[in-house]
Amino acid sequence: MTAPPSAPRILFIDSNVYFSKRLGDALKQLGFDIVPATQAAYALTMLEWNTPMAILCAMNLREMGALEMAPILRADPKTANIPLIAIGSGGDQALLEAYRAGCDDLVDRRRPPAETAEHIRNFLLSRQDGFQPTQMLASSDTALTGNLSHLDLPGVIQMLGQSRQTGALHINASDTDGIIFFEAGEIFHAECGTLFGDEAVTQIVRNCHAAGKGVYKFVYGATAAQRTVLRSATDLLLDAMREFDESERDRLEESQPEAPQAEEPQIENAEVEKAHLEKEYP
């Protein structure tokens, strides 16, 4: 299938020709124009005269992969805003590594090409325009899931903010069951029990940090009807961690036994006290 001339262009960098062909064909089926390349260094020279809407790049290239390309793109104002999607082996740690390097997302090369192509399309729609209900796929196809024992909740929130995601983050840890909505990377609305807004965000982060384990699921494109969170994610995370530290300090102080107070010596009888006074004051 040949993409129309006006199709959004993706620069696809991967040395695995078979993988590139399968995923490239799946992306073309969704209306993208694919520009293949096997070397990242050469692909960078194409950006000035053939700027793509996004770059899809493998992490395991011999000379330069997605992790090495990210800081180069971000340092140039002309390319700083081009979405860079890394291709790796998947997993929370690989995702965190990609975000720290400056990538906007990570796709798992082990997933079927059709699912990966749909994920890429949904990610780009979410980043650019936000989803409309008619653009939504089943949650199993569009959700990012993970374990909080591998990647802490503040890290997940920061990643979604840096990649300017739109969607709903569902969190379950111990007795905490909450949801945080994002609009273009900003926290828009949150609910946790009877709390909502800023208080709900701090409650979720504080409780999940204390639990030490739990799960999260981010559904791309889900939106909230009303904005209730007015403060920045950084301020809310700092408040949550401050409250957690204070509660831990109070808990430790309460658990420590109080030092016994020295009892005043008791005078056995009046005769002993009288003899003592006579000796001191003859």
C-alpha atoms as a PDB file:
ATOM      1  CA  MET A   1       0.000   0.000   0.000  1.00  0.00           C
ATOM      2  CA  THR A   2       1.379   3.389  -1.045  1.00  0.00           C
ATOM      3  CA  ALA A   3       0.705   6.310   1.292  1.00  0.00           C
ATOM      4  CA  PRO A   4      -0.898   9.427  -0.227  1.00  0.00           C
ATOM      5  CA  PRO A   5       1.376  12.445  -0.852  1.00  0.00           C
ATOM      6  CA  SER A   6      -0.066  14.324   2.141  1.00  0.00           C
ATOM      7  CA  ALA A   7       0.415  11.393   4.537  1.00  0.00           C
ATOM      8  CA  PRO A   8       2.309  12.152   7.776  1.00  0.00           C
ATOM      9  CA  ARG A   9       5.917  11.067   7.393  1.00  0.00           C
ATOM     10  CA  ILE A  10       7.789   8.854   9.864  1.00  0.00           C
ATOM     11  CA  LEU A  11      11.563   8.386   9.691  1.00  0.00           C
ATOM     12  CA  PHE A  12      12.094   4.721  10.557  1.00  0.00           C
ATOM     13  CA  ILE A  13      15.663   3.782  11.607  1.00  0.00           C
ATOM     14  CA  ASP A  14      16.431   0.104  12.182  1.00  0.00           C
ATOM     15  CA  SER A  15      19.127  -2.264  10.901  1.00  0.00           C
ATOM     16  CA  ASN A  16      16.786  -5.275  10.928  1.00  0.00           C
ATOM     17  CA  VAL A  17      15.411  -5.174   7.385  1.00  0.00           C
ATOM     18  CA  TYR A  18      12.793  -7.877   8.006  1.00  0.00           C
ATOM     19  CA  PHE A  19      11.441  -6.130  11.105  1.00  0.00           C
ATOM     20  CA  SER A  20      11.448  -2.758   9.319  1.00  0.00           C
ATOM     21  CA  LYS A  21       9.496  -4.186   6.397  1.00  0.00           C
ATOM     22  CA  ARG A  22       6.777  -5.728   8.584  1.00  0.00           C
ATOM     23  CA  LEU A  23       6.302  -2.723  10.878  1.00  0.00           C
ATOM     24  CA  GLY A  24       6.661  -0.284   7.982  1.00  0.00           C
ATOM     25  CA  ASP A  25       3.893  -2.038   6.056  1.00  0.00           C
ATOM     26  CA  ALA A  26       1.646  -1.966   9.143  1.00  0.00           C
ATOM     27  CA  LEU A  27       2.225   1.780   9.524  1.00  0.00           C
ATOM     28  CA  LYS A  28       1.481   2.356   5.846  1.00  0.00           C
ATOM     29  CA  GLN A  29      -1.827   0.549   6.320  1.00  0.00           C
ATOM     30  CA  LEU A  30      -2.696   3.238   8.869  1.00  0.00           C
ATOM     31  CA  GLY A  31      -1.878   6.029   6.409  1.00  0.00           C
ATOM     32  CA  PHE A  32       1.715   6.932   7.265  1.00  0.00           C
ATOM     33  CA  ASP A  33       4.493   7.627   4.798  1.00  0.00           C
ATOM     34  CA  ILE A  34       7.564   5.650   5.910  1.00  0.00           C
ATOM     35  CA  VAL A  35      11.129   6.768   5.155  1.00  0.00           C
ATOM     36  CA  PRO A  36      13.429   3.827   6.032  1.00  0.00           C
ATOM     37  CA  ALA A  37      17.061   4.101   7.107  1.00  0.00           C
ATOM     38  CA  THR A  38      19.564   1.665   8.579  1.00  0.00           C
ATOM     39  CA  GLN A  39      21.966   4.192  10.173  1.00  0.00           C
ATOM     40  CA  ALA A  40      20.998   6.953  12.588  1.00  0.00           C
ATOM     41  CA  ALA A  41      23.938   9.201  11.718  1.00  0.00           C
ATOM     42  CA  TYR A  42      22.958   9.267   8.050  1.00  0.00           C
ATOM     43  CA  ALA A  43      19.283   9.722   8.919  1.00  0.00           C
ATOM     44  CA  LEU A  44      20.102  12.889  10.879  1.00  0.00           C
ATOM     45  CA  THR A  45      21.381  14.518   7.699  1.00  0.00           C
ATOM     46  CA  MET A  46      17.941  14.058   6.130  1.00  0.00           C
ATOM     47  CA  LEU A  47      16.081  16.099   8.732  1.00  0.00           C
ATOM     48  CA  GLU A  48      16.725  19.564   7.281  1.00  0.00           C
ATOM     49  CA  TRP A  49      15.340  18.831   3.815  1.00  0.00           C
ATOM     50  CA  ASN A  50      12.872  16.064   4.662  1.00  0.00           C
ATOM     51  CA  THR A  51      11.572  16.787   8.163  1.00  0.00           C
ATOM     52  CA  PRO A  52       9.314  13.988   9.465  1.00  0.00           C
ATOM     53  CA  MET A  53       6.425  14.307  11.892  1.00  0.00           C
ATOM     54  CA  ALA A  54       8.094  11.629  14.076  1.00  0.00           C
ATOM     55  CA  ILE A  55      11.206   9.475  14.301  1.00  0.00           C
ATOM     56  CA  LEU A  56      11.122   5.766  15.091  1.00  0.00           C
ATOM     57  CA  CYS A  57      14.589   4.510  16.044  1.00  0.00           C
ATOM     58  CA  ALA A  58      16.022   1.267  17.447  1.00  0.00           C
ATOM     59  CA  MET A  59      17.967   1.366  20.723  1.00  0.00           C
ATOM     60  CA  ASN A  60      20.473  -1.338  19.787  1.00  0.00           C
ATOM     61  CA  LEU A  61      22.093   0.156  16.685  1.00  0.00           C
ATOM     62  CA  ARG A  62      25.849  -0.286  16.545  1.00  0.00           C
ATOM     63  CA  GLU A  63      27.054   3.334  16.224  1.00  0.00           C
ATOM     64  CA  MET A  64      24.117   5.492  17.294  1.00  0.00           C
ATOM     65  CA  GLY A  65      20.734   4.400  18.609  1.00  0.00           C
ATOM     66  CA  ALA A  66      17.679   6.162  19.994  1.00  0.00           C
ATOM     67  CA  LEU A  67      19.342   6.882  23.352  1.00  0.00           C
ATOM     68  CA  GLU A  68      22.303   8.613  21.688  1.00  0.00           C
ATOM     69  CA  MET A  69      20.120  10.395  19.127  1.00  0.00           C
ATOM     70  CA  ALA A  70      17.767  11.932  21.698  1.00  0.00           C
ATOM     71  CA  PRO A  71      20.148  14.564  23.174  1.00  0.00           C
ATOM     72  CA  ILE A  72      21.235  15.582  19.656  1.00  0.00           C
ATOM     73  CA  LEU A  73      17.652  16.219  18.605  1.00  0.00           C
ATOM     74  CA  ARG A  74      16.748  18.059  21.808  1.00  0.00           C
ATOM     75  CA  ALA A  75      19.787  20.346  21.560  1.00  0.00           C
ATOM     76  CA  ASP A  76      18.704  21.768  18.175  1.00  0.00           C
ATOM     77  CA  PRO A  77      15.654  24.089  18.217  1.00  0.00           C
ATOM     78  CA  LYS A  78      14.732  22.896  14.707  1.00  0.00           C
ATOM     79  CA  THR A  79      14.376  19.276  15.818  1.00  0.00           C
ATOM     80  CA  ALA A  80      13.688  19.626  19.557  1.00  0.00           C
ATOM     81  CA  ASN A  81       9.946  19.048  19.191  1.00  0.00           C
ATOM     82  CA  ILE A  82      10.061  16.071  16.813  1.00  0.00           C
ATOM     83  CA  PRO A  83       8.677  13.036  18.702  1.00  0.00           C
ATOM     84  CA  LEU A  84      11.307  10.311  19.082  1.00  0.00           C
ATOM     85  CA  ILE A  85       9.961   6.800  19.667  1.00  0.00           C
ATOM     86  CA  ALA A  86      12.524   4.224  20.734  1.00  0.00           C
ATOM     87  CA  ILE A  87      12.346   0.555  19.710  1.00  0.00           C
ATOM     88  CA  GLY A  88      13.556  -1.826  22.397  1.00  0.00           C
ATOM     89  CA  SER A  89      12.887  -5.025  24.270  1.00  0.00           C
ATOM     90  CA  GLY A  90      10.112  -3.526  26.387  1.00  0.00           C
ATOM     91  CA  GLY A  91       9.751  -3.506  30.160  1.00  0.00           C
ATOM     92  CA  ASP A  92       9.597  -0.789  32.804  1.00  0.00           C
ATOM     93  CA  GLN A  93      13.356  -0.306  33.058  1.00  0.00           C
ATOM     94  CA  ALA A  94      13.794   0.083  29.289  1.00  0.00           C
ATOM     95  CA  LEU A  95      10.943   2.583  29.249  1.00  0.00           C
ATOM     96  CA  LEU A  96      12.484   4.580  32.089  1.00  0.00           C
ATOM     97  CA  GLU A  97      15.887   4.521  30.361  1.00  0.00           C
ATOM     98  CA  ALA A  98      14.333   5.811  27.143  1.00  0.00           C
ATOM     99  CA  TYR A  99      12.531   8.656  28.911  1.00  0.00           C
ATOM    100  CA  ARG A 100      15.630   9.683  30.834  1.00  0.00           C
ATOM    101  CA  ALA A 101      17.591   9.875  27.586  1.00  0.00           C
ATOM    102  CA  GLY A 102      14.997  12.212  26.073  1.00  0.00           C
ATOM    103  CA  CYS A 103      12.858   9.823  24.037  1.00  0.00           C
ATOM    104  CA  ASP A 104       9.104  10.382  23.994  1.00  0.00           C
ATOM    105  CA  ASP A 105       7.960   6.758  24.025  1.00  0.00           C
ATOM    106  CA  LEU A 106       9.126   3.156  23.713  1.00  0.00           C
ATOM    107  CA  VAL A 107       7.662   0.296  21.676  1.00  0.00           C
ATOM    108  CA  ASP A 108       8.462  -3.379  22.166  1.00  0.00           C
ATOM    109  CA  ARG A 109       9.843  -4.999  19.006  1.00  0.00           C
ATOM    110  CA  ARG A 110       8.490  -8.366  20.208  1.00  0.00           C
ATOM    111  CA  ARG A 111       4.871  -7.258  19.842  1.00  0.00           C
ATOM    112  CA  PRO A 112       2.956  -7.947  16.621  1.00  0.00           C
ATOM    113  CA  PRO A 113       3.559  -5.222  13.978  1.00  0.00           C
ATOM    114  CA  ALA A 114      -0.135  -4.344  13.720  1.00  0.00           C
ATOM    115  CA  GLU A 115      -0.403  -3.691  17.483  1.00  0.00           C
ATOM    116  CA  THR A 116       2.814  -1.672  17.496  1.00  0.00           C
ATOM    117  CA  ALA A 117       1.628   0.431  14.556  1.00  0.00           C
ATOM    118  CA  GLU A 118      -1.666   1.175  16.311  1.00  0.00           C
ATOM    119  CA  HIS A 119       0.202   2.121  19.484  1.00  0.00           C
ATOM    120  CA  ILE A 120       2.379   4.545  17.510  1.00  0.00           C
ATOM    121  CA  ARG A 121      -0.644   6.086  15.798  1.00  0.00           C
ATOM    122  CA  ASN A 122      -2.475   6.508  19.121  1.00  0.00           C
ATOM    123  CA  PHE A 123       0.599   7.994  20.762  1.00  0.00           C
ATOM    124  CA  LEU A 124       1.046  10.572  17.985  1.00  0.00           C
ATOM    125  CA  LEU A 125      -2.642  11.477  18.030  1.00  0.00           C
ATOM    126  CA  SER A 126      -2.571  11.854  21.794  1.00  0.00           C
ATOM    127  CA  ARG A 127       0.535  14.020  21.684  1.00  0.00           C
ATOM    128  CA  GLN A 128      -0.677  16.275  18.906  1.00  0.00           C
ATOM    129  CA  ASP A 129      -4.427  16.677  19.237  1.00  0.00           C
ATOM    130  CA  GLY A 130      -5.716  14.488  22.038  1.00  0.00           C
ATOM    131  CA  PHE A 131      -8.087  11.653  21.237  1.00  0.00           C
ATOM    132  CA  GLN A 132     -11.663  11.860  20.100  1.00  0.00           C
ATOM    133  CA  PRO A 133     -13.992   8.999  21.134  1.00  0.00           C
ATOM    134  CA  THR A 134     -14.145   7.670  17.562  1.00  0.00           C
ATOM    135  CA  GLN A 135     -10.358   7.289  17.559  1.00  0.00           C
ATOM    136  CA  MET A 136     -10.241   5.083  20.630  1.00  0.00           C
ATOM    137  CA  LEU A 137      -9.324   1.420  20.362  1.00  0.00           C
ATOM    138  CA  ALA A 138      -9.886  -1.295  22.934  1.00  0.00           C
ATOM    139  CA  SER A 139      -8.033  -0.614  26.176  1.00  0.00           C
ATOM    140  CA  SER A 140      -5.946  -3.759  25.724  1.00  0.00           C
ATOM    141  CA  ASP A 141      -4.505  -2.218  22.550  1.00  0.00           C
ATOM    142  CA  THR A 142      -3.934   1.274  23.874  1.00  0.00           C
ATOM    143  CA  ALA A 143      -2.971   0.843  27.519  1.00  0.00           C
ATOM    144  CA  LEU A 144       0.465   1.182  29.088  1.00  0.00           C
ATOM    145  CA  THR A 145       0.709  -1.038  32.158  1.00  0.00           C
ATOM    146  CA  GLY A 146       3.387  -1.724  34.736  1.00  0.00           C
ATOM    147  CA  ASN A 147       4.334  -2.662  38.265  1.00  0.00           C
ATOM    148  CA  LEU A 148       5.100   0.033  40.832  1.00  0.00           C
ATOM    149  CA  SER A 149       7.733  -2.169  42.452  1.00  0.00           C
ATOM    150  CA  HIS A 150       9.817  -1.733  39.283  1.00  0.00           C
ATOM    151  CA  LEU A 151       9.021   1.904  38.533  1.00  0.00           C
ATOM    152  CA  ASP A 152       7.764   4.263  41.235  1.00  0.00           C
ATOM    153  CA  LEU A 153       4.651   6.366  40.727  1.00  0.00           C
ATOM    154  CA  PRO A 154       6.442   9.760  40.634  1.00  0.00           C
ATOM    155  CA  GLY A 155       8.578   8.348  37.812  1.00  0.00           C
ATOM    156  CA  VAL A 156       5.476   7.292  35.883  1.00  0.00           C
ATOM    157  CA  ILE A 157       3.868  10.725  36.355  1.00  0.00           C
ATOM    158  CA  GLN A 158       7.035  12.501  35.239  1.00  0.00           C
ATOM    159  CA  MET A 159       7.318  10.317  32.128  1.00  0.00           C
ATOM    160  CA  LEU A 160       3.733  11.010  31.093  1.00  0.00           C
ATOM    161  CA  GLY A 161       4.303  14.719  31.638  1.00  0.00           C
ATOM    162  CA  GLN A 162       7.528  14.844  29.653  1.00  0.00           C
ATOM    163  CA  SER A 163       5.946  13.013  26.720  1.00  0.00           C
ATOM    164  CA  ARG A 164       2.876  15.318  26.861  1.00  0.00           C
ATOM    165  CA  GLN A 165       0.418  12.435  27.063  1.00  0.00           C
ATOM    166  CA  THR A 166      -3.358  12.669  27.167  1.00  0.00           C
ATOM    167  CA  GLY A 167      -5.153   9.890  28.989  1.00  0.00           C
ATOM    168  CA  ALA A 168      -6.080   8.345  32.332  1.00  0.00           C
ATOM    169  CA  LEU A 169      -3.638   6.748  34.767  1.00  0.00           C
ATOM    170  CA  HIS A 170      -5.323   4.108  36.936  1.00  0.00           C
ATOM    171  CA  ILE A 171      -3.418   3.212  40.122  1.00  0.00           C
ATOM    172  CA  ASN A 172      -4.029   0.413  42.583  1.00  0.00           C
ATOM    173  CA  ALA A 173      -1.713  -0.162  45.545  1.00  0.00           C
ATOM    174  CA  SER A 174      -2.698  -1.691  48.860  1.00  0.00           C
ATOM    175  CA  ASP A 175      -5.941   0.082  49.883  1.00  0.00           C
ATOM    176  CA  THR A 176      -5.468   2.917  47.399  1.00  0.00           C
ATOM    177  CA  ASP A 177      -7.558   2.944  44.226  1.00  0.00           C
ATOM    178  CA  GLY A 178      -7.212   6.189  42.286  1.00  0.00           C
ATOM    179  CA  ILE A 179      -7.187   7.748  38.859  1.00  0.00           C
ATOM    180  CA  ILE A 180      -5.233  10.712  37.445  1.00  0.00           C
ATOM    181  CA  PHE A 181      -6.170  12.334  34.127  1.00  0.00           C
ATOM    182  CA  PHE A 182      -3.575  14.033  31.915  1.00  0.00           C
ATOM    183  CA  GLU A 183      -4.123  16.614  29.184  1.00  0.00           C
ATOM    184  CA  ALA A 184      -1.068  17.140  26.960  1.00  0.00           C
ATOM    185  CA  GLY A 185       1.184  16.135  29.853  1.00  0.00           C
ATOM    186  CA  GLU A 186      -0.460  18.284  32.531  1.00  0.00           C
ATOM    187  CA  ILE A 187      -2.415  16.719  35.385  1.00  0.00           C
ATOM    188  CA  PHE A 188      -6.019  17.728  34.696  1.00  0.00           C
ATOM    189  CA  HIS A 189      -8.195  15.820  37.163  1.00  0.00           C
ATOM    190  CA  ALA A 190      -7.739  13.219  39.922  1.00  0.00           C
ATOM    191  CA  GLU A 191      -9.946  11.095  42.170  1.00  0.00           C
ATOM    192  CA  CYS A 192      -9.154   8.920  45.177  1.00  0.00           C
ATOM    193  CA  GLY A 193     -11.988   7.791  47.430  1.00  0.00           C
ATOM    194  CA  THR A 194     -13.878  10.909  48.495  1.00  0.00           C
ATOM    195  CA  LEU A 195     -10.998  13.198  47.507  1.00  0.00           C
ATOM    196  CA  PHE A 196     -10.544  14.904  44.166  1.00  0.00           C
ATOM    197  CA  GLY A 197      -8.207  17.448  42.595  1.00  0.00           C
ATOM    198  CA  ASP A 198      -4.890  18.393  44.208  1.00  0.00           C
ATOM    199  CA  GLU A 199      -5.651  16.503  47.440  1.00  0.00           C
ATOM    200  CA  ALA A 200      -6.368  13.319  45.514  1.00  0.00           C
ATOM    201  CA  VAL A 201      -3.024  13.481  43.702  1.00  0.00           C
ATOM    202  CA  THR A 202      -1.004  13.905  46.904  1.00  0.00           C
ATOM    203  CA  GLN A 203      -3.020  11.170  48.618  1.00  0.00           C
ATOM    204  CA  ILE A 204      -2.418   8.700  45.777  1.00  0.00           C
ATOM    205  CA  VAL A 205       1.322   9.395  45.549  1.00  0.00           C
ATOM    206  CA  ARG A 206       1.844   9.324  49.327  1.00  0.00           C
ATOM    207  CA  ASN A 207      -0.066   6.072  49.830  1.00  0.00           C
ATOM    208  CA  CYS A 208       1.504   4.304  46.869  1.00  0.00           C
ATOM    209  CA  HIS A 209       4.979   5.306  48.005  1.00  0.00           C
ATOM    210  CA  ALA A 210       4.270   3.885  51.432  1.00  0.00           C
ATOM    211  CA  ALA A 211       2.865   0.660  49.987  1.00  0.00           C
ATOM    212  CA  GLY A 212       6.046  -0.072  48.042  1.00  0.00           C
ATOM    213  CA  LYS A 213       4.154  -2.124  45.464  1.00  0.00           C
ATOM    214  CA  GLY A 214       1.115  -1.924  43.233  1.00  0.00           C
ATOM    215  CA  VAL A 215       0.105  -1.686  39.595  1.00  0.00           C
ATOM    216  CA  TYR A 216      -0.712   1.102  37.166  1.00  0.00           C
ATOM    217  CA  LYS A 217      -2.435   1.262  33.798  1.00  0.00           C
ATOM    218  CA  PHE A 218      -2.441   4.273  31.481  1.00  0.00           C
ATOM    219  CA  VAL A 219      -5.224   4.390  28.888  1.00  0.00           C
ATOM    220  CA  TYR A 220      -4.361   6.758  26.072  1.00  0.00           C
ATOM    221  CA  GLY A 221      -6.964   9.350  25.155  1.00  0.00           C
ATOM    222  CA  ALA A 222      -9.318   9.073  28.131  1.00  0.00           C
ATOM    223  CA  THR A 223     -10.448  12.547  29.221  1.00  0.00           C
ATOM    224  CA  ALA A 224     -12.170  14.180  32.194  1.00  0.00           C
ATOM    225  CA  ALA A 225     -15.110  16.538  31.869  1.00  0.00           C
ATOM    226  CA  GLN A 226     -13.868  19.089  34.410  1.00  0.00           C
ATOM    227  CA  ARG A 227     -10.475  20.301  35.556  1.00  0.00           C
ATOM    228  CA  THR A 228      -9.892  19.955  39.303  1.00  0.00           C
ATOM    229  CA  VAL A 229      -6.080  19.967  39.549  1.00  0.00           C
ATOM    230  CA  LEU A 230      -4.673  23.486  39.442  1.00  0.00           C
ATOM    231  CA  ARG A 231      -1.110  23.054  40.687  1.00  0.00           C
ATOM    232  CA  SER A 232       1.856  21.683  38.768  1.00  0.00           C
ATOM    233  CA  ALA A 233       2.866  18.035  38.983  1.00  0.00           C
ATOM    234  CA  THR A 234       6.215  19.023  40.517  1.00  0.00           C
ATOM    235  CA  ASP A 235       4.568  20.911  43.387  1.00  0.00           C
ATOM    236  CA  LEU A 236       2.129  18.078  44.052  1.00  0.00           C
ATOM    237  CA  LEU A 237       4.860  15.433  44.063  1.00  0.00           C
ATOM    238  CA  LEU A 238       6.990  17.503  46.459  1.00  0.00           C
ATOM    239  CA  ASP A 239       4.025  17.949  48.803  1.00  0.00           C
ATOM    240  CA  ALA A 240       3.236  14.240  48.707  1.00  0.00           C
ATOM    241  CA  MET A 241       6.794  13.227  49.520  1.00  0.00           C
ATOM    242  CA  ARG A 242       7.015  15.846  52.280  1.00  0.00           C
ATOM    243  CA  GLU A 243       3.833  14.506  53.880  1.00  0.00           C
ATOM    244  CA  PHE A 244       5.144  10.952  53.570  1.00  0.00           C
ATOM    245  CA  ASP A 245       8.416  11.886  55.290  1.00  0.00           C
ATOM    246  CA  GLU A 246       6.551  13.654  58.099  1.00  0.00           C
ATOM    247  CA  SER A 247       4.204  10.712  58.670  1.00  0.00           C
ATOM    248  CA  GLU A 248       7.142   8.308  58.736  1.00  0.00           C
ATOM    249  CA  ARG A 249       8.965  10.479  61.258  1.00  0.00           C
ATOM    250  CA  ASP A 250       5.875  10.630  63.495  1.00  0.00           C
ATOM    251  CA  ARG A 251       5.410   6.872  63.227  1.00  0.00           C
ATOM    252  CA  LEU A 252       9.005   6.211  64.274  1.00  0.00           C
ATOM    253  CA  GLU A 253       8.738   8.578  67.228  1.00  0.00           C
ATOM    254  CA  GLU A 254       5.568   6.877  68.441  1.00  0.00           C
ATOM    255  CA  SER A 255       7.105   3.421  68.110  1.00  0.00           C
ATOM    256  CA  GLN A 256      10.151   4.296  70.241  1.00  0.00           C
ATOM    257  CA  PRO A 257       9.663   3.682  74.023  1.00  0.00           C
ATOM    258  CA  GLU A 258       9.948   6.716  76.237  1.00  0.00           C
ATOM    259  CA  ALA A 259      13.050   6.937  78.411  1.00  0.00           C
ATOM    260  CA  PRO A 260      12.197   6.169  82.025  1.00  0.00           C
ATOM    261  CA  GLN A 261      12.237   9.193  84.270  1.00  0.00           C
ATOM    262  CA  ALA A 262      14.466   9.083  87.365  1.00  0.00           C
ATOM    263  CA  GLU A 263      12.426   8.752  90.488  1.00  0.00           C
ATOM    264  CA  GLU A 264      13.103  11.038  93.414  1.00  0.00           C
ATOM    265  CA  PRO A 265      14.622   9.201  96.365  1.00  0.00           C
ATOM    266  CA  GLN A 266      12.074   8.388  98.997  1.00  0.00           C
ATOM    267  CA  ILE A 267      12.819   9.208 102.634  1.00  0.00           C
ATOM    268  CA  GLU A 268      12.384   6.080 104.633  1.00  0.00           C
ATOM    269  CA  ASN A 269      11.244   7.798 107.832  1.00  0.00           C
ATOM    270  CA  ALA A 270      11.296  11.054 109.694  1.00  0.00           C
ATOM    271  CA  GLU A 271      14.156   9.988 112.001  1.00  0.00           C
ATOM    272  CA  VAL A 272      16.578   9.566 109.112  1.00  0.00           C
ATOM    273  CA  GLU A 273      15.608  12.957 107.704  1.00  0.00           C
ATOM    274  CA  LYS A 274      16.040  14.573 111.112  1.00  0.00           C
ATOM    275  CA  ALA A 275      19.520  13.062 111.608  1.00  0.00           C
ATOM    276  CA  HIS A 276      20.549  14.278 108.188  1.00  0.00           C
ATOM    277  CA  LEU A 277      19.431  17.824 108.867  1.00  0.00           C
ATOM    278  CA  GLU A 278      21.185  17.943 112.258  1.00  0.00           C
ATOM    279  CA  LYS A 279      24.416  16.827 110.619  1.00  0.00           C
ATOM    280  CA  GLU A 280      24.213  19.476 107.897  1.00  0.00           C
ATOM    281  CA  TYR A 281      23.091  22.291 110.196  1.00  0.00           C
ATOM    282  CA  PRO A 282      24.458  21.738 113.818  1.00  0.00           C
END
